[in-house]
Amino acid sequence: MNGEFVVDSGHLVAYEPGIRMKVGLSSGLVGSVTSGEGLVNRLSGQGDIYLQSRSIAGLVRFLRPKIR
């Protein structure tokens, strides 16, 4: 990554030390509440970021039947 990237908070796994992160609302207070999006991570700098394609809730629903 080189520049700025906005990631939903449920999909960010990790990022390298050269990356700076700020947590903020997705589209202002009213927009965030009405859209259900909530918080996002605004990442900037140089380095790798690691994302997951499933949300945390989706990952739990996927794994729950596989764990005894």
N, C-alpha and C. Protein backbone atom coordinates (compact mmCIF):
# COMPACT_ATOMS: atom_id res chain seq x y z
N MET A 1 0.84 -1.17 0.00
CA MET A 1 0.00 0.00 0.00
C MET A 1 0.89 1.23 0.00
N ASN A 2 0.49 2.20 -0.76
CA ASN A 2 1.18 3.48 -0.77
C ASN A 2 0.12 4.55 -0.98
N GLY A 3 -0.21 5.28 0.06
CA GLY A 3 -1.25 6.29 -0.04
C GLY A 3 -2.26 6.13 1.07
N GLU A 4 -3.56 6.24 0.72
CA GLU A 4 -4.62 6.14 1.72
C GLU A 4 -5.62 5.07 1.32
N PHE A 5 -6.14 4.35 2.32
CA PHE A 5 -7.05 3.25 2.08
C PHE A 5 -8.08 3.25 3.20
N VAL A 6 -9.36 3.08 2.88
CA VAL A 6 -10.43 3.04 3.88
C VAL A 6 -10.96 1.61 3.94
N VAL A 7 -10.98 1.04 5.16
CA VAL A 7 -11.36 -0.35 5.36
C VAL A 7 -12.43 -0.44 6.44
N ASP A 8 -13.45 -1.24 6.20
CA ASP A 8 -14.45 -1.52 7.22
C ASP A 8 -13.76 -2.16 8.41
N SER A 9 -14.12 -1.77 9.61
CA SER A 9 -13.40 -2.24 10.80
C SER A 9 -13.48 -3.75 11.00
N GLY A 10 -14.49 -4.42 10.46
CA GLY A 10 -14.60 -5.86 10.62
C GLY A 10 -13.73 -6.67 9.68
N HIS A 11 -13.04 -6.02 8.73
CA HIS A 11 -12.25 -6.75 7.75
C HIS A 11 -10.74 -6.55 7.89
N LEU A 12 -10.30 -5.64 8.72
CA LEU A 12 -8.87 -5.39 8.92
C LEU A 12 -8.30 -6.43 9.87
N VAL A 13 -7.23 -7.10 9.44
CA VAL A 13 -6.58 -8.11 10.28
C VAL A 13 -5.32 -7.53 10.91
N ALA A 14 -4.42 -6.97 10.09
CA ALA A 14 -3.14 -6.46 10.59
C ALA A 14 -2.56 -5.47 9.58
N TYR A 15 -1.56 -4.72 10.02
CA TYR A 15 -0.85 -3.81 9.13
C TYR A 15 0.56 -3.61 9.65
N GLU A 16 1.46 -3.24 8.75
CA GLU A 16 2.88 -3.07 9.10
C GLU A 16 3.10 -1.75 9.86
N PRO A 17 4.23 -1.66 10.57
CA PRO A 17 4.52 -0.47 11.37
C PRO A 17 4.56 0.85 10.58
N GLY A 18 4.83 0.80 9.28
CA GLY A 18 4.89 2.02 8.48
C GLY A 18 3.52 2.61 8.15
N ILE A 19 2.46 1.93 8.56
CA ILE A 19 1.09 2.36 8.28
C ILE A 19 0.54 3.07 9.51
N ARG A 20 -0.15 4.18 9.27
CA ARG A 20 -0.84 4.90 10.35
C ARG A 20 -2.33 4.67 10.19
N MET A 21 -3.03 4.49 11.32
CA MET A 21 -4.46 4.22 11.27
C MET A 21 -5.22 5.23 12.11
N LYS A 22 -6.32 5.72 11.55
CA LYS A 22 -7.26 6.56 12.28
C LYS A 22 -8.62 5.90 12.16
N VAL A 23 -9.35 5.84 13.27
CA VAL A 23 -10.69 5.27 13.27
C VAL A 23 -11.68 6.42 13.18
N GLY A 24 -12.67 6.27 12.31
CA GLY A 24 -13.66 7.33 12.15
C GLY A 24 -14.98 6.76 11.67
N LEU A 25 -15.96 7.65 11.56
CA LEU A 25 -17.28 7.26 11.06
C LEU A 25 -17.23 7.13 9.54
N SER A 26 -18.02 6.23 9.02
CA SER A 26 -17.99 5.98 7.58
C SER A 26 -18.47 7.17 6.77
N SER A 27 -19.53 7.85 7.22
CA SER A 27 -20.06 8.97 6.42
C SER A 27 -20.72 10.02 7.31
N GLY A 28 -20.08 10.40 8.38
CA GLY A 28 -20.68 11.35 9.31
C GLY A 28 -21.61 10.62 10.26
N LEU A 29 -21.99 11.25 11.33
CA LEU A 29 -22.78 10.62 12.38
C LEU A 29 -24.14 10.14 11.87
N VAL A 30 -24.89 11.01 11.21
CA VAL A 30 -26.23 10.64 10.74
C VAL A 30 -26.14 9.55 9.68
N GLY A 31 -25.24 9.70 8.72
CA GLY A 31 -25.08 8.70 7.67
C GLY A 31 -24.66 7.35 8.22
N SER A 32 -23.77 7.34 9.21
CA SER A 32 -23.30 6.08 9.79
C SER A 32 -24.42 5.37 10.54
N VAL A 33 -25.22 6.13 11.26
CA VAL A 33 -26.31 5.52 12.03
C VAL A 33 -27.39 4.98 11.10
N THR A 34 -27.75 5.74 10.08
CA THR A 34 -28.84 5.32 9.18
C THR A 34 -28.41 4.22 8.21
N SER A 35 -27.14 4.18 7.82
CA SER A 35 -26.70 3.16 6.87
C SER A 35 -26.30 1.86 7.55
N GLY A 36 -26.00 1.91 8.85
CA GLY A 36 -25.57 0.72 9.56
C GLY A 36 -24.09 0.42 9.39
N GLU A 37 -23.35 1.26 8.67
CA GLU A 37 -21.94 1.00 8.43
C GLU A 37 -21.10 1.19 9.68
N GLY A 38 -21.29 2.27 10.40
CA GLY A 38 -20.55 2.48 11.64
C GLY A 38 -19.13 2.95 11.42
N LEU A 39 -18.17 2.29 12.06
CA LEU A 39 -16.78 2.73 12.06
C LEU A 39 -15.98 2.14 10.90
N VAL A 40 -15.05 2.94 10.41
CA VAL A 40 -14.10 2.49 9.39
C VAL A 40 -12.70 2.85 9.86
N ASN A 41 -11.72 2.16 9.29
CA ASN A 41 -10.31 2.45 9.56
C ASN A 41 -9.74 3.19 8.36
N ARG A 42 -9.14 4.33 8.60
CA ARG A 42 -8.49 5.08 7.53
C ARG A 42 -6.98 4.87 7.68
N LEU A 43 -6.42 4.13 6.74
CA LEU A 43 -5.01 3.76 6.78
C LEU A 43 -4.23 4.61 5.80
N SER A 44 -3.04 5.04 6.20
CA SER A 44 -2.19 5.81 5.30
C SER A 44 -0.73 5.46 5.56
N GLY A 45 0.10 5.67 4.54
CA GLY A 45 1.52 5.39 4.67
C GLY A 45 1.95 4.34 3.66
N GLN A 46 3.11 3.74 3.94
CA GLN A 46 3.66 2.71 3.06
C GLN A 46 3.83 1.42 3.83
N GLY A 47 3.43 0.32 3.20
CA GLY A 47 3.56 -0.99 3.81
C GLY A 47 2.40 -1.87 3.43
N ASP A 48 2.39 -3.07 3.95
CA ASP A 48 1.34 -4.03 3.64
C ASP A 48 0.23 -3.96 4.67
N ILE A 49 -1.00 -4.17 4.19
CA ILE A 49 -2.13 -4.35 5.09
C ILE A 49 -2.73 -5.71 4.77
N TYR A 50 -3.30 -6.34 5.77
CA TYR A 50 -3.87 -7.67 5.62
C TYR A 50 -5.36 -7.61 5.95
N LEU A 51 -6.17 -8.06 5.00
CA LEU A 51 -7.61 -8.00 5.13
C LEU A 51 -8.20 -9.40 5.07
N GLN A 52 -9.38 -9.56 5.63
CA GLN A 52 -10.14 -10.79 5.46
C GLN A 52 -11.42 -10.47 4.71
N SER A 53 -11.84 -11.37 3.86
CA SER A 53 -13.01 -11.11 3.04
C SER A 53 -14.32 -11.30 3.80
N ARG A 54 -14.29 -12.07 4.86
CA ARG A 54 -15.49 -12.26 5.68
C ARG A 54 -15.48 -11.30 6.85
N SER A 55 -16.66 -10.88 7.26
CA SER A 55 -16.77 -10.11 8.49
C SER A 55 -16.52 -11.06 9.66
N ILE A 56 -16.29 -10.54 10.84
CA ILE A 56 -16.07 -11.38 12.02
C ILE A 56 -17.30 -12.27 12.25
N ALA A 57 -18.50 -11.70 12.15
CA ALA A 57 -19.72 -12.49 12.35
C ALA A 57 -19.84 -13.58 11.29
N GLY A 58 -19.51 -13.26 10.04
CA GLY A 58 -19.56 -14.24 8.97
C GLY A 58 -18.54 -15.35 9.18
N LEU A 59 -17.37 -15.00 9.66
CA LEU A 59 -16.33 -15.99 9.93
C LEU A 59 -16.78 -16.94 11.05
N VAL A 60 -17.38 -16.39 12.10
CA VAL A 60 -17.86 -17.23 13.21
C VAL A 60 -18.96 -18.17 12.72
N ARG A 61 -19.90 -17.67 11.90
CA ARG A 61 -20.96 -18.53 11.36
C ARG A 61 -20.37 -19.64 10.49
N PHE A 62 -19.31 -19.34 9.76
CA PHE A 62 -18.65 -20.34 8.92
C PHE A 62 -17.94 -21.40 9.76
N LEU A 63 -17.24 -20.98 10.80
CA LEU A 63 -16.43 -21.90 11.60
C LEU A 63 -17.22 -22.69 12.65
N ARG A 64 -18.30 -22.13 13.16
CA ARG A 64 -19.04 -22.76 14.26
C ARG A 64 -19.43 -24.21 13.96
N PRO A 65 -19.99 -24.53 12.78
CA PRO A 65 -20.36 -25.93 12.53
C PRO A 65 -19.16 -26.88 12.41
N LYS A 66 -17.99 -26.34 12.16
CA LYS A 66 -16.80 -27.16 11.95
C LYS A 66 -16.07 -27.48 13.25
N ILE A 67 -16.43 -26.77 14.33
CA ILE A 67 -15.77 -26.97 15.62
C ILE A 67 -16.70 -27.75 16.53
N ARG A 68 -16.18 -28.80 17.10
CA ARG A 68 -17.02 -29.63 17.99
C ARG A 68 -16.84 -29.24 19.42
